[in-house]
Amino acid sequence: MIRTAARAYRIRRPAPLPLSEEELSTIRTPLYLVLGKRSVLVHPQRQVERVPRLVPGARAEIIADTGHGPQIDHAEEINRRMLNFVASVD
């Protein structure tokens, strides 16, 4: 069996821990969170409710028909939304 270099030296990293409510409440920069409805890494509906409650002025949205990578699956749509968000920030 031949193993590729990428496979032989793969680094396994633990998944990052989610930010606590206290950590989220310290964010003071404009924040636009886009989540895929089918993400298996985060609970989209929970984050859409949680983040704007804790981060003043934050916007969070769920994109249907995608998993954890809406910026890849729906690049043009996400770019348009991001540009609109940036333009709306004073």
PDB file of N, CA and C in Angstrom:
ATOM      1  N   MET A   1       0.841  -1.179   0.000  1.00  0.00           N
ATOM      2  CA  MET A   1       0.000   0.000   0.000  1.00  0.00           C
ATOM      3  C   MET A   1       0.885   1.241   0.000  1.00  0.00           C
ATOM      4  N   ILE A   2       0.599   2.173  -0.885  1.00  0.00           N
ATOM      5  CA  ILE A   2       1.352   3.427  -0.970  1.00  0.00           C
ATOM      6  C   ILE A   2       0.554   4.518  -0.280  1.00  0.00           C
ATOM      7  N   ARG A   3       1.208   5.229   0.618  1.00  0.00           N
ATOM      8  CA  ARG A   3       0.562   6.337   1.321  1.00  0.00           C
ATOM      9  C   ARG A   3       1.091   7.647   0.771  1.00  0.00           C
ATOM     10  N   THR A   4       0.216   8.582   0.577  1.00  0.00           N
ATOM     11  CA  THR A   4       0.659   9.887   0.097  1.00  0.00           C
ATOM     12  C   THR A   4       1.215  10.688   1.266  1.00  0.00           C
ATOM     13  N   ALA A   5       2.077  11.639   0.954  1.00  0.00           N
ATOM     14  CA  ALA A   5       2.686  12.465   1.996  1.00  0.00           C
ATOM     15  C   ALA A   5       1.625  13.230   2.776  1.00  0.00           C
ATOM     16  N   ALA A   6       0.613  13.727   2.091  1.00  0.00           N
ATOM     17  CA  ALA A   6      -0.428  14.494   2.771  1.00  0.00           C
ATOM     18  C   ALA A   6      -1.160  13.638   3.797  1.00  0.00           C
ATOM     19  N   ARG A   7      -1.364  12.394   3.462  1.00  0.00           N
ATOM     20  CA  ARG A   7      -2.068  11.513   4.379  1.00  0.00           C
ATOM     21  C   ARG A   7      -1.176  11.067   5.527  1.00  0.00           C
ATOM     22  N   ALA A   8       0.078  10.828   5.249  1.00  0.00           N
ATOM     23  CA  ALA A   8       0.995  10.357   6.276  1.00  0.00           C
ATOM     24  C   ALA A   8       1.257  11.409   7.345  1.00  0.00           C
ATOM     25  N   TYR A   9       1.137  12.686   6.983  1.00  0.00           N
ATOM     26  CA  TYR A   9       1.479  13.754   7.916  1.00  0.00           C
ATOM     27  C   TYR A   9       0.292  14.620   8.288  1.00  0.00           C
ATOM     28  N   ARG A  10      -0.888  14.088   8.174  1.00  0.00           N
ATOM     29  CA  ARG A  10      -2.078  14.850   8.532  1.00  0.00           C
ATOM     30  C   ARG A  10      -2.059  15.185  10.020  1.00  0.00           C
ATOM     31  N   ILE A  11      -2.301  16.426  10.328  1.00  0.00           N
ATOM     32  CA  ILE A  11      -2.352  16.870  11.720  1.00  0.00           C
ATOM     33  C   ILE A  11      -3.800  16.843  12.173  1.00  0.00           C
ATOM     34  N   ARG A  12      -4.037  16.214  13.278  1.00  0.00           N
ATOM     35  CA  ARG A  12      -5.395  16.182  13.827  1.00  0.00           C
ATOM     36  C   ARG A  12      -5.495  17.243  14.909  1.00  0.00           C
ATOM     37  N   ARG A  13      -6.412  18.156  14.697  1.00  0.00           N
ATOM     38  CA  ARG A  13      -6.613  19.245  15.644  1.00  0.00           C
ATOM     39  C   ARG A  13      -7.988  19.097  16.282  1.00  0.00           C
ATOM     40  N   PRO A  14      -8.081  19.436  17.541  1.00  0.00           N
ATOM     41  CA  PRO A  14      -9.418  19.398  18.158  1.00  0.00           C
ATOM     42  C   PRO A  14     -10.270  20.528  17.593  1.00  0.00           C
ATOM     43  N   ALA A  15     -11.558  20.313  17.549  1.00  0.00           N
ATOM     44  CA  ALA A  15     -12.471  21.361  17.093  1.00  0.00           C
ATOM     45  C   ALA A  15     -12.398  22.533  18.066  1.00  0.00           C
ATOM     46  N   PRO A  16     -12.431  23.763  17.549  1.00  0.00           N
ATOM     47  CA  PRO A  16     -12.392  24.912  18.458  1.00  0.00           C
ATOM     48  C   PRO A  16     -13.668  24.980  19.290  1.00  0.00           C
ATOM     49  N   LEU A  17     -13.523  25.463  20.497  1.00  0.00           N
ATOM     50  CA  LEU A  17     -14.687  25.628  21.359  1.00  0.00           C
ATOM     51  C   LEU A  17     -15.465  26.863  20.931  1.00  0.00           C
ATOM     52  N   PRO A  18     -16.776  26.836  21.041  1.00  0.00           N
ATOM     53  CA  PRO A  18     -17.554  28.030  20.700  1.00  0.00           C
ATOM     54  C   PRO A  18     -17.271  29.137  21.702  1.00  0.00           C
ATOM     55  N   LEU A  19     -17.429  30.373  21.245  1.00  0.00           N
ATOM     56  CA  LEU A  19     -17.247  31.504  22.161  1.00  0.00           C
ATOM     57  C   LEU A  19     -18.339  31.488  23.217  1.00  0.00           C
ATOM     58  N   SER A  20     -17.955  31.820  24.435  1.00  0.00           N
ATOM     59  CA  SER A  20     -18.935  31.899  25.518  1.00  0.00           C
ATOM     60  C   SER A  20     -19.779  33.163  25.335  1.00  0.00           C
ATOM     61  N   GLU A  21     -20.879  33.254  26.058  1.00  0.00           N
ATOM     62  CA  GLU A  21     -21.708  34.459  25.983  1.00  0.00           C
ATOM     63  C   GLU A  21     -20.910  35.670  26.453  1.00  0.00           C
ATOM     64  N   GLU A  22     -20.082  35.493  27.469  1.00  0.00           N
ATOM     65  CA  GLU A  22     -19.246  36.592  27.962  1.00  0.00           C
ATOM     66  C   GLU A  22     -18.256  37.039  26.879  1.00  0.00           C
ATOM     67  N   GLU A  23     -17.623  36.092  26.193  1.00  0.00           N
ATOM     68  CA  GLU A  23     -16.680  36.440  25.127  1.00  0.00           C
ATOM     69  C   GLU A  23     -17.384  37.146  23.965  1.00  0.00           C
ATOM     70  N   LEU A  24     -18.533  36.631  23.561  1.00  0.00           N
ATOM     71  CA  LEU A  24     -19.280  37.264  22.475  1.00  0.00           C
ATOM     72  C   LEU A  24     -19.686  38.694  22.826  1.00  0.00           C
ATOM     73  N   SER A  25     -20.057  38.917  24.052  1.00  0.00           N
ATOM     74  CA  SER A  25     -20.533  40.253  24.453  1.00  0.00           C
ATOM     75  C   SER A  25     -19.422  41.296  24.466  1.00  0.00           C
ATOM     76  N   THR A  26     -18.169  40.894  24.308  1.00  0.00           N
ATOM     77  CA  THR A  26     -17.068  41.873  24.255  1.00  0.00           C
ATOM     78  C   THR A  26     -16.784  42.359  22.833  1.00  0.00           C
ATOM     79  N   ILE A  27     -17.399  41.757  21.831  1.00  0.00           N
ATOM     80  CA  ILE A  27     -17.166  42.161  20.439  1.00  0.00           C
ATOM     81  C   ILE A  27     -17.814  43.516  20.187  1.00  0.00           C
ATOM     82  N   ARG A  28     -17.031  44.446  19.652  1.00  0.00           N
ATOM     83  CA  ARG A  28     -17.518  45.798  19.394  1.00  0.00           C
ATOM     84  C   ARG A  28     -17.359  46.214  17.934  1.00  0.00           C
ATOM     85  N   THR A  29     -16.964  45.305  17.076  1.00  0.00           N
ATOM     86  CA  THR A  29     -16.819  45.611  15.662  1.00  0.00           C
ATOM     87  C   THR A  29     -18.050  45.102  14.914  1.00  0.00           C
ATOM     88  N   PRO A  30     -18.340  45.661  13.750  1.00  0.00           N
ATOM     89  CA  PRO A  30     -19.482  45.161  12.976  1.00  0.00           C
ATOM     90  C   PRO A  30     -19.330  43.665  12.702  1.00  0.00           C
ATOM     91  N   LEU A  31     -20.397  42.931  12.885  1.00  0.00           N
ATOM     92  CA  LEU A  31     -20.358  41.485  12.734  1.00  0.00           C
ATOM     93  C   LEU A  31     -21.537  41.026  11.893  1.00  0.00           C
ATOM     94  N   TYR A  32     -21.238  40.302  10.830  1.00  0.00           N
ATOM     95  CA  TYR A  32     -22.267  39.715   9.977  1.00  0.00           C
ATOM     96  C   TYR A  32     -21.984  38.229   9.914  1.00  0.00           C
ATOM     97  N   LEU A  33     -22.870  37.446  10.463  1.00  0.00           N
ATOM     98  CA  LEU A  33     -22.713  35.998  10.551  1.00  0.00           C
ATOM     99  C   LEU A  33     -23.642  35.326   9.558  1.00  0.00           C
ATOM    100  N   VAL A  34     -23.074  34.504   8.677  1.00  0.00           N
ATOM    101  CA  VAL A  34     -23.853  33.763   7.691  1.00  0.00           C
ATOM    102  C   VAL A  34     -23.670  32.279   7.976  1.00  0.00           C
ATOM    103  N   LEU A  35     -24.772  31.590   8.159  1.00  0.00           N
ATOM    104  CA  LEU A  35     -24.742  30.173   8.498  1.00  0.00           C
ATOM    105  C   LEU A  35     -25.520  29.360   7.481  1.00  0.00           C
ATOM    106  N   GLY A  36     -25.029  28.176   7.179  1.00  0.00           N
ATOM    107  CA  GLY A  36     -25.759  27.256   6.317  1.00  0.00           C
ATOM    108  C   GLY A  36     -26.791  26.496   7.120  1.00  0.00           C
ATOM    109  N   LYS A  37     -27.989  26.388   6.586  1.00  0.00           N
ATOM    110  CA  LYS A  37     -29.081  25.721   7.297  1.00  0.00           C
ATOM    111  C   LYS A  37     -28.758  24.276   7.657  1.00  0.00           C
ATOM    112  N   ARG A  38     -27.965  23.603   6.818  1.00  0.00           N
ATOM    113  CA  ARG A  38     -27.649  22.192   7.052  1.00  0.00           C
ATOM    114  C   ARG A  38     -26.276  21.993   7.699  1.00  0.00           C
ATOM    115  N   SER A  39     -25.721  23.012   8.318  1.00  0.00           N
ATOM    116  CA  SER A  39     -24.416  22.876   8.973  1.00  0.00           C
ATOM    117  C   SER A  39     -24.492  21.830  10.074  1.00  0.00           C
ATOM    118  N   VAL A  40     -23.511  20.947  10.098  1.00  0.00           N
ATOM    119  CA  VAL A  40     -23.452  19.950  11.165  1.00  0.00           C
ATOM    120  C   VAL A  40     -22.446  20.359  12.240  1.00  0.00           C
ATOM    121  N   LEU A  41     -21.762  21.482  12.040  1.00  0.00           N
ATOM    122  CA  LEU A  41     -20.757  21.933  13.008  1.00  0.00           C
ATOM    123  C   LEU A  41     -21.306  22.934  14.014  1.00  0.00           C
ATOM    124  N   VAL A  42     -22.340  23.643  13.633  1.00  0.00           N
ATOM    125  CA  VAL A  42     -22.981  24.588  14.556  1.00  0.00           C
ATOM    126  C   VAL A  42     -24.489  24.411  14.431  1.00  0.00           C
ATOM    127  N   HIS A  43     -25.215  24.912  15.386  1.00  0.00           N
ATOM    128  CA  HIS A  43     -26.675  24.869  15.326  1.00  0.00           C
ATOM    129  C   HIS A  43     -27.123  26.234  14.797  1.00  0.00           C
ATOM    130  N   PRO A  44     -27.423  26.338  13.488  1.00  0.00           N
ATOM    131  CA  PRO A  44     -27.685  27.638  12.869  1.00  0.00           C
ATOM    132  C   PRO A  44     -28.773  28.465  13.558  1.00  0.00           C
ATOM    133  N   GLN A  45     -29.911  27.876  13.834  1.00  0.00           N
ATOM    134  CA  GLN A  45     -31.006  28.655  14.425  1.00  0.00           C
ATOM    135  C   GLN A  45     -30.610  29.202  15.795  1.00  0.00           C
ATOM    136  N   ARG A  46     -29.919  28.405  16.568  1.00  0.00           N
ATOM    137  CA  ARG A  46     -29.483  28.849  17.899  1.00  0.00           C
ATOM    138  C   ARG A  46     -28.533  30.045  17.775  1.00  0.00           C
ATOM    139  N   GLN A  47     -27.609  30.003  16.812  1.00  0.00           N
ATOM    140  CA  GLN A  47     -26.638  31.091  16.659  1.00  0.00           C
ATOM    141  C   GLN A  47     -27.279  32.361  16.108  1.00  0.00           C
ATOM    142  N   VAL A  48     -28.277  32.204  15.232  1.00  0.00           N
ATOM    143  CA  VAL A  48     -28.978  33.369  14.680  1.00  0.00           C
ATOM    144  C   VAL A  48     -29.730  34.111  15.784  1.00  0.00           C
ATOM    145  N   GLU A  49     -30.171  33.402  16.786  1.00  0.00           N
ATOM    146  CA  GLU A  49     -30.847  34.032  17.918  1.00  0.00           C
ATOM    147  C   GLU A  49     -29.838  34.560  18.940  1.00  0.00           C
ATOM    148  N   ARG A  50     -28.752  33.851  19.144  1.00  0.00           N
ATOM    149  CA  ARG A  50     -27.773  34.152  20.193  1.00  0.00           C
ATOM    150  C   ARG A  50     -26.869  35.331  19.860  1.00  0.00           C
ATOM    151  N   VAL A  51     -26.278  35.329  18.684  1.00  0.00           N
ATOM    152  CA  VAL A  51     -25.255  36.323  18.360  1.00  0.00           C
ATOM    153  C   VAL A  51     -25.797  37.754  18.368  1.00  0.00           C
ATOM    154  N   PRO A  52     -26.893  38.074  17.676  1.00  0.00           N
ATOM    155  CA  PRO A  52     -27.387  39.462  17.719  1.00  0.00           C
ATOM    156  C   PRO A  52     -27.821  39.911  19.119  1.00  0.00           C
ATOM    157  N   ARG A  53     -28.223  38.974  19.934  1.00  0.00           N
ATOM    158  CA  ARG A  53     -28.609  39.308  21.315  1.00  0.00           C
ATOM    159  C   ARG A  53     -27.383  39.739  22.130  1.00  0.00           C
ATOM    160  N   LEU A  54     -26.231  39.163  21.832  1.00  0.00           N
ATOM    161  CA  LEU A  54     -25.034  39.416  22.628  1.00  0.00           C
ATOM    162  C   LEU A  54     -24.082  40.444  22.022  1.00  0.00           C
ATOM    163  N   VAL A  55     -24.124  40.622  20.714  1.00  0.00           N
ATOM    164  CA  VAL A  55     -23.208  41.550  20.037  1.00  0.00           C
ATOM    165  C   VAL A  55     -24.042  42.708  19.489  1.00  0.00           C
ATOM    166  N   PRO A  56     -23.873  43.901  20.056  1.00  0.00           N
ATOM    167  CA  PRO A  56     -24.661  45.046  19.601  1.00  0.00           C
ATOM    168  C   PRO A  56     -24.487  45.297  18.101  1.00  0.00           C
ATOM    169  N   GLY A  57     -25.600  45.408  17.383  1.00  0.00           N
ATOM    170  CA  GLY A  57     -25.563  45.710  15.967  1.00  0.00           C
ATOM    171  C   GLY A  57     -25.222  44.541  15.059  1.00  0.00           C
ATOM    172  N   ALA A  58     -25.023  43.363  15.614  1.00  0.00           N
ATOM    173  CA  ALA A  58     -24.672  42.200  14.792  1.00  0.00           C
ATOM    174  C   ALA A  58     -25.877  41.752  13.971  1.00  0.00           C
ATOM    175  N   ARG A  59     -25.586  41.212  12.810  1.00  0.00           N
ATOM    176  CA  ARG A  59     -26.612  40.633  11.939  1.00  0.00           C
ATOM    177  C   ARG A  59     -26.238  39.179  11.698  1.00  0.00           C
ATOM    178  N   ALA A  60     -27.208  38.301  11.767  1.00  0.00           N
ATOM    179  CA  ALA A  60     -26.974  36.879  11.522  1.00  0.00           C
ATOM    180  C   ALA A  60     -28.102  36.339  10.665  1.00  0.00           C
ATOM    181  N   GLU A  61     -27.727  35.555   9.648  1.00  0.00           N
ATOM    182  CA  GLU A  61     -28.711  35.003   8.725  1.00  0.00           C
ATOM    183  C   GLU A  61     -28.383  33.549   8.404  1.00  0.00           C
ATOM    184  N   ILE A  62     -29.419  32.808   8.078  1.00  0.00           N
ATOM    185  CA  ILE A  62     -29.269  31.420   7.660  1.00  0.00           C
ATOM    186  C   ILE A  62     -29.532  31.340   6.161  1.00  0.00           C
ATOM    187  N   ILE A  63     -28.658  30.625   5.467  1.00  0.00           N
ATOM    188  CA  ILE A  63     -28.812  30.397   4.039  1.00  0.00           C
ATOM    189  C   ILE A  63     -29.302  28.958   3.838  1.00  0.00           C
ATOM    190  N   ALA A  64     -30.423  28.821   3.144  1.00  0.00           N
ATOM    191  CA  ALA A  64     -30.991  27.489   2.884  1.00  0.00           C
ATOM    192  C   ALA A  64     -30.149  26.762   1.836  1.00  0.00           C
ATOM    193  N   ASP A  65     -30.369  25.502   1.708  1.00  0.00           N
ATOM    194  CA  ASP A  65     -29.742  24.671   0.670  1.00  0.00           C
ATOM    195  C   ASP A  65     -28.221  24.636   0.749  1.00  0.00           C
ATOM    196  N   THR A  66     -27.668  24.706   1.938  1.00  0.00           N
ATOM    197  CA  THR A  66     -26.219  24.605   2.082  1.00  0.00           C
ATOM    198  C   THR A  66     -25.864  24.113   3.476  1.00  0.00           C
ATOM    199  N   GLY A  67     -24.640  23.639   3.601  1.00  0.00           N
ATOM    200  CA  GLY A  67     -24.136  23.173   4.887  1.00  0.00           C
ATOM    201  C   GLY A  67     -23.255  24.230   5.527  1.00  0.00           C
ATOM    202  N   HIS A  68     -22.068  23.821   5.962  1.00  0.00           N
ATOM    203  CA  HIS A  68     -21.183  24.707   6.713  1.00  0.00           C
ATOM    204  C   HIS A  68     -20.429  25.712   5.825  1.00  0.00           C
ATOM    205  N   GLY A  69     -20.534  25.601   4.510  1.00  0.00           N
ATOM    206  CA  GLY A  69     -19.784  26.494   3.622  1.00  0.00           C
ATOM    207  C   GLY A  69     -20.643  27.313   2.685  1.00  0.00           C
ATOM    208  N   PRO A  70     -21.554  28.139   3.203  1.00  0.00           N
ATOM    209  CA  PRO A  70     -22.395  28.917   2.290  1.00  0.00           C
ATOM    210  C   PRO A  70     -21.591  29.865   1.406  1.00  0.00           C
ATOM    211  N   GLN A  71     -20.445  30.326   1.882  1.00  0.00           N
ATOM    212  CA  GLN A  71     -19.609  31.230   1.084  1.00  0.00           C
ATOM    213  C   GLN A  71     -18.999  30.514  -0.118  1.00  0.00           C
ATOM    214  N   ILE A  72     -18.970  29.208  -0.088  1.00  0.00           N
ATOM    215  CA  ILE A  72     -18.476  28.418  -1.213  1.00  0.00           C
ATOM    216  C   ILE A  72     -19.644  28.006  -2.114  1.00  0.00           C
ATOM    217  N   ASP A  73     -20.695  27.478  -1.506  1.00  0.00           N
ATOM    218  CA  ASP A  73     -21.839  26.992  -2.271  1.00  0.00           C
ATOM    219  C   ASP A  73     -22.640  28.103  -2.940  1.00  0.00           C
ATOM    220  N   HIS A  74     -22.654  29.272  -2.330  1.00  0.00           N
ATOM    221  CA  HIS A  74     -23.454  30.407  -2.831  1.00  0.00           C
ATOM    222  C   HIS A  74     -22.605  31.670  -2.837  1.00  0.00           C
ATOM    223  N   ALA A  75     -21.448  31.600  -3.443  1.00  0.00           N
ATOM    224  CA  ALA A  75     -20.460  32.684  -3.377  1.00  0.00           C
ATOM    225  C   ALA A  75     -21.020  34.033  -3.823  1.00  0.00           C
ATOM    226  N   GLU A  76     -21.685  34.085  -4.951  1.00  0.00           N
ATOM    227  CA  GLU A  76     -22.187  35.374  -5.448  1.00  0.00           C
ATOM    228  C   GLU A  76     -23.220  35.970  -4.499  1.00  0.00           C
ATOM    229  N   GLU A  77     -24.113  35.154  -4.000  1.00  0.00           N
ATOM    230  CA  GLU A  77     -25.137  35.623  -3.065  1.00  0.00           C
ATOM    231  C   GLU A  77     -24.506  36.136  -1.767  1.00  0.00           C
ATOM    232  N   ILE A  78     -23.549  35.390  -1.231  1.00  0.00           N
ATOM    233  CA  ILE A  78     -22.889  35.798   0.009  1.00  0.00           C
ATOM    234  C   ILE A  78     -22.093  37.077  -0.209  1.00  0.00           C
ATOM    235  N   ASN A  79     -21.387  37.191  -1.323  1.00  0.00           N
ATOM    236  CA  ASN A  79     -20.649  38.421  -1.624  1.00  0.00           C
ATOM    237  C   ASN A  79     -21.587  39.617  -1.670  1.00  0.00           C
ATOM    238  N   ARG A  80     -22.735  39.467  -2.329  1.00  0.00           N
ATOM    239  CA  ARG A  80     -23.707  40.558  -2.410  1.00  0.00           C
ATOM    240  C   ARG A  80     -24.185  40.952  -1.015  1.00  0.00           C
ATOM    241  N   ARG A  81     -24.505  39.966  -0.199  1.00  0.00           N
ATOM    242  CA  ARG A  81     -24.980  40.249   1.161  1.00  0.00           C
ATOM    243  C   ARG A  81     -23.890  40.923   2.006  1.00  0.00           C
ATOM    244  N   MET A  82     -22.665  40.436   1.874  1.00  0.00           N
ATOM    245  CA  MET A  82     -21.547  41.029   2.622  1.00  0.00           C
ATOM    246  C   MET A  82     -21.326  42.489   2.224  1.00  0.00           C
ATOM    247  N   LEU A  83     -21.329  42.754   0.931  1.00  0.00           N
ATOM    248  CA  LEU A  83     -21.148  44.123   0.465  1.00  0.00           C
ATOM    249  C   LEU A  83     -22.277  45.029   0.954  1.00  0.00           C
ATOM    250  N   ASN A  84     -23.506  44.543   0.949  1.00  0.00           N
ATOM    251  CA  ASN A  84     -24.625  45.322   1.486  1.00  0.00           C
ATOM    252  C   ASN A  84     -24.440  45.597   2.972  1.00  0.00           C
ATOM    253  N   PHE A  85     -23.962  44.601   3.706  1.00  0.00           N
ATOM    254  CA  PHE A  85     -23.736  44.797   5.148  1.00  0.00           C
ATOM    255  C   PHE A  85     -22.657  45.841   5.382  1.00  0.00           C
ATOM    256  N   VAL A  86     -21.533  45.720   4.684  1.00  0.00           N
ATOM    257  CA  VAL A  86     -20.441  46.681   4.843  1.00  0.00           C
ATOM    258  C   VAL A  86     -20.905  48.090   4.505  1.00  0.00           C
ATOM    259  N   ALA A  87     -21.692  48.220   3.451  1.00  0.00           N
ATOM    260  CA  ALA A  87     -22.194  49.542   3.051  1.00  0.00           C
ATOM    261  C   ALA A  87     -23.149  50.119   4.094  1.00  0.00           C
ATOM    262  N   SER A  88     -23.815  49.264   4.854  1.00  0.00           N
ATOM    263  CA  SER A  88     -24.786  49.739   5.850  1.00  0.00           C
ATOM    264  C   SER A  88     -24.148  50.141   7.172  1.00  0.00           C
ATOM    265  N   VAL A  89     -22.890  49.798   7.362  1.00  0.00           N
ATOM    266  CA  VAL A  89     -22.220  50.100   8.632  1.00  0.00           C
ATOM    267  C   VAL A  89     -21.662  51.518   8.591  1.00  0.00           C
ATOM    268  N   ASP A  90     -21.985  52.278   9.592  1.00  0.00           N
ATOM    269  CA  ASP A  90     -21.498  53.672   9.661  1.00  0.00           C
ATOM    270  C   ASP A  90     -20.042  53.746   9.989  1.00  0.00           C
TER     271      ASP A  90
END
